[in-house]
Amino acid sequence: MSSENGAPRHTGLGTVDAVVVGAGPNGLTAAAVLADAGWDVVVLEEQPVPGGAVRSAELHPGFTADLFSAFHPLAAASPAFRSLDLGSHGLRWSRSAAAFGHPSGPDDDDAVVVRPDPDDTAADLERRCAGDGKTWLALVEQWTRIREPFMQALLRPFPPVRGAGS
């Protein structure tokens, strides 16, 4: 590290077992796993707050919005996150009444919204266009069938193949 004038800047960190670059979900998970194994770990982050691409902020008064990530909900399903027992450290998962929506503009007070209950979403879609509710429920049924194998492939180490000795 160097200061603004180019002179070396000493952090006083001393010797550590691991340096993790980036305080996003993957970096923090790696650091936690290593620390749980007894390693002395330091995490370096360029941004003023941790979170990487999984951060939120109040972009409009009264509304907190996701800044970057469409995949942060996968954290709740992640075997790595679950193994950290973050609930015992104060993590509380919350879920909004609407999973996501797509307003056509800032004054749209009747945007298409996907809700946690598939029947609620289907009713709203059907109200807008006959047949869309039924199609939505068919898509939900398809997701129900493929969810487990898909999530296992997505959340297991990559590439999802077994070694020759397995």
Protein backbone atom coordinates (compact mmCIF):
# COMPACT_ATOMS: atom_id res chain seq x y z
CA MET A 1 0.00 0.00 0.00
CA SER A 2 1.16 3.50 -0.60
CA SER A 3 -0.08 6.89 0.53
CA GLU A 4 -1.22 9.65 -1.79
CA ASN A 5 2.35 10.92 -2.10
CA GLY A 6 3.60 7.45 -3.11
CA ALA A 7 5.41 6.70 0.14
CA PRO A 8 4.83 3.26 1.59
CA ARG A 9 2.03 3.18 4.13
CA HIS A 10 2.30 0.63 6.88
CA THR A 11 -0.94 -0.82 8.12
CA GLY A 12 0.44 -2.40 11.26
CA LEU A 13 -1.17 -5.69 10.29
CA GLY A 14 1.92 -7.76 10.91
CA THR A 15 1.84 -11.32 9.66
CA VAL A 16 -1.43 -13.00 8.80
CA ASP A 17 -2.28 -16.43 7.46
CA ALA A 18 -4.51 -15.16 4.66
CA VAL A 19 -5.38 -11.92 2.93
CA VAL A 20 -8.81 -11.85 1.31
CA VAL A 21 -9.27 -9.19 -1.33
CA GLY A 22 -12.85 -7.96 -1.47
CA ALA A 23 -15.55 -7.75 1.18
CA GLY A 24 -18.35 -9.02 -1.02
CA PRO A 25 -20.31 -12.16 -0.13
CA ASN A 26 -17.69 -14.56 -1.50
CA GLY A 27 -14.75 -12.78 0.12
CA LEU A 28 -16.51 -12.51 3.47
CA THR A 29 -17.57 -16.15 3.32
CA ALA A 30 -14.01 -17.25 2.51
CA ALA A 31 -12.66 -15.11 5.35
CA ALA A 32 -15.21 -16.50 7.81
CA VAL A 33 -14.47 -20.11 6.84
CA LEU A 34 -10.73 -19.54 7.23
CA ALA A 35 -11.18 -17.71 10.54
CA ASP A 36 -13.41 -20.53 11.82
CA ALA A 37 -10.57 -22.92 10.95
CA GLY A 38 -8.24 -20.90 13.17
CA TRP A 39 -6.51 -18.79 10.53
CA ASP A 40 -5.58 -15.18 11.15
CA VAL A 41 -7.34 -13.38 8.28
CA VAL A 42 -7.45 -9.82 7.04
CA VAL A 43 -10.03 -8.62 4.52
CA LEU A 44 -9.18 -5.73 2.21
CA GLU A 45 -11.97 -3.75 0.55
CA GLU A 46 -11.62 -0.78 -1.78
CA GLN A 47 -15.13 0.57 -1.16
CA PRO A 48 -16.05 2.42 2.05
CA VAL A 49 -18.60 -0.25 3.02
CA PRO A 50 -18.57 -4.05 2.72
CA GLY A 51 -21.01 -5.99 0.61
CA GLY A 52 -19.56 -5.94 -2.88
CA ALA A 53 -22.33 -6.34 -5.42
CA VAL A 54 -24.81 -7.21 -2.67
CA ARG A 55 -25.58 -3.83 -1.18
CA SER A 56 -28.60 -1.63 -0.90
CA ALA A 57 -29.11 2.10 -0.49
CA GLU A 58 -31.87 4.67 -0.31
CA LEU A 59 -31.83 5.87 -3.92
CA HIS A 60 -35.17 7.67 -3.61
CA PRO A 61 -36.47 9.07 -0.30
CA GLY A 62 -38.19 6.31 1.64
CA PHE A 63 -37.19 3.49 -0.74
CA THR A 64 -34.25 1.17 -0.19
CA ALA A 65 -33.14 -0.53 -3.39
CA ASP A 66 -30.73 -3.25 -4.39
CA LEU A 67 -27.74 -1.59 -6.07
CA PHE A 68 -26.29 -4.38 -8.20
CA SER A 69 -27.18 -7.95 -7.47
CA ALA A 70 -29.98 -10.05 -8.83
CA PHE A 71 -28.53 -13.16 -7.24
CA HIS A 72 -28.22 -12.18 -3.59
CA PRO A 73 -31.35 -14.17 -2.68
CA LEU A 74 -29.27 -17.28 -3.44
CA ALA A 75 -27.33 -16.56 -0.26
CA ALA A 76 -30.23 -17.89 1.80
CA ALA A 77 -29.93 -21.20 -0.09
CA SER A 78 -26.13 -21.31 -0.11
CA PRO A 79 -24.59 -24.29 1.72
CA ALA A 80 -21.55 -22.12 2.50
CA PHE A 81 -23.66 -19.37 4.08
CA ARG A 82 -25.78 -21.89 6.01
CA SER A 83 -22.65 -23.55 7.41
CA LEU A 84 -21.60 -20.26 9.00
CA ASP A 85 -24.68 -20.19 11.27
CA LEU A 86 -25.03 -16.45 10.69
CA GLY A 87 -28.35 -16.40 12.54
CA SER A 88 -26.48 -16.93 15.81
CA HIS A 89 -24.52 -13.77 14.98
CA GLY A 90 -27.62 -11.68 14.34
CA LEU A 91 -28.39 -12.24 10.66
CA ARG A 92 -32.09 -12.12 9.99
CA TRP A 93 -33.34 -12.82 6.48
CA SER A 94 -36.30 -10.73 5.41
CA ARG A 95 -38.56 -11.02 2.44
CA SER A 96 -40.52 -8.25 0.82
CA ALA A 97 -44.21 -8.52 0.02
CA ALA A 98 -43.27 -8.22 -3.65
CA ALA A 99 -40.34 -10.24 -4.99
CA PHE A 100 -39.83 -7.82 -7.87
CA GLY A 101 -41.78 -5.60 -10.21
CA HIS A 102 -41.43 -3.68 -13.40
CA PRO A 103 -43.01 -0.25 -13.38
CA SER A 104 -43.22 1.51 -16.71
CA GLY A 105 -42.14 4.79 -15.10
CA PRO A 106 -42.02 6.73 -11.82
CA ASP A 107 -45.78 7.41 -11.89
CA ASP A 108 -46.83 3.81 -12.60
CA ASP A 109 -49.11 2.83 -9.73
CA ASP A 110 -50.20 -0.46 -11.32
CA ALA A 111 -46.92 -2.16 -12.23
CA VAL A 112 -46.64 -5.86 -12.90
CA VAL A 113 -45.35 -7.38 -9.66
CA VAL A 114 -44.23 -10.92 -8.85
CA ARG A 115 -45.29 -11.93 -5.35
CA PRO A 116 -44.15 -14.87 -3.20
CA ASP A 117 -47.55 -16.56 -3.60
CA PRO A 118 -47.80 -17.82 -7.20
CA ASP A 119 -51.62 -17.60 -7.13
CA ASP A 120 -51.48 -13.88 -6.28
CA THR A 121 -49.13 -13.26 -9.18
CA ALA A 122 -51.27 -15.38 -11.50
CA ALA A 123 -54.42 -13.45 -10.59
CA ASP A 124 -52.71 -10.13 -11.32
CA LEU A 125 -51.35 -11.38 -14.65
CA GLU A 126 -54.71 -12.83 -15.63
CA ARG A 127 -56.34 -9.46 -14.88
CA ARG A 128 -53.99 -7.87 -17.38
CA CYS A 129 -54.12 -10.48 -20.13
CA ALA A 130 -56.32 -13.58 -20.34
CA GLY A 131 -54.23 -16.74 -20.23
CA ASP A 132 -51.12 -15.18 -18.64
CA GLY A 133 -52.11 -16.34 -15.16
CA LYS A 134 -52.38 -19.95 -16.32
CA THR A 135 -49.05 -19.65 -18.15
CA TRP A 136 -47.43 -18.23 -15.00
CA LEU A 137 -48.66 -21.19 -12.92
CA ALA A 138 -47.29 -23.61 -15.55
CA LEU A 139 -43.91 -21.87 -15.30
CA VAL A 140 -44.02 -22.11 -11.49
CA GLU A 141 -44.78 -25.84 -11.81
CA GLN A 142 -41.81 -26.28 -14.14
CA TRP A 143 -39.57 -24.42 -11.64
CA THR A 144 -40.84 -26.64 -8.83
CA ARG A 145 -39.73 -29.72 -10.80
CA ILE A 146 -36.24 -28.47 -11.68
CA ARG A 147 -35.45 -26.30 -8.63
CA GLU A 148 -33.50 -28.83 -6.57
CA PRO A 149 -31.20 -30.17 -9.30
CA PHE A 150 -30.71 -26.65 -10.67
CA MET A 151 -29.82 -25.21 -7.26
CA GLN A 152 -27.46 -28.10 -6.53
CA ALA A 153 -25.65 -27.52 -9.82
CA LEU A 154 -25.54 -23.79 -9.19
CA LEU A 155 -24.34 -23.89 -5.58
CA ARG A 156 -21.87 -26.76 -5.67
CA PRO A 157 -18.20 -26.16 -6.48
CA PHE A 158 -17.55 -25.59 -10.16
CA PRO A 159 -17.22 -27.51 -12.38
CA PRO A 160 -20.04 -29.78 -11.15
CA VAL A 161 -18.21 -33.02 -11.94
CA ARG A 162 -16.78 -35.68 -9.69
CA GLY A 163 -13.12 -36.47 -9.56
CA ALA A 164 -11.80 -39.75 -10.99
CA GLY A 165 -11.40 -41.19 -7.50
CA SER A 166 -14.98 -40.48 -6.45
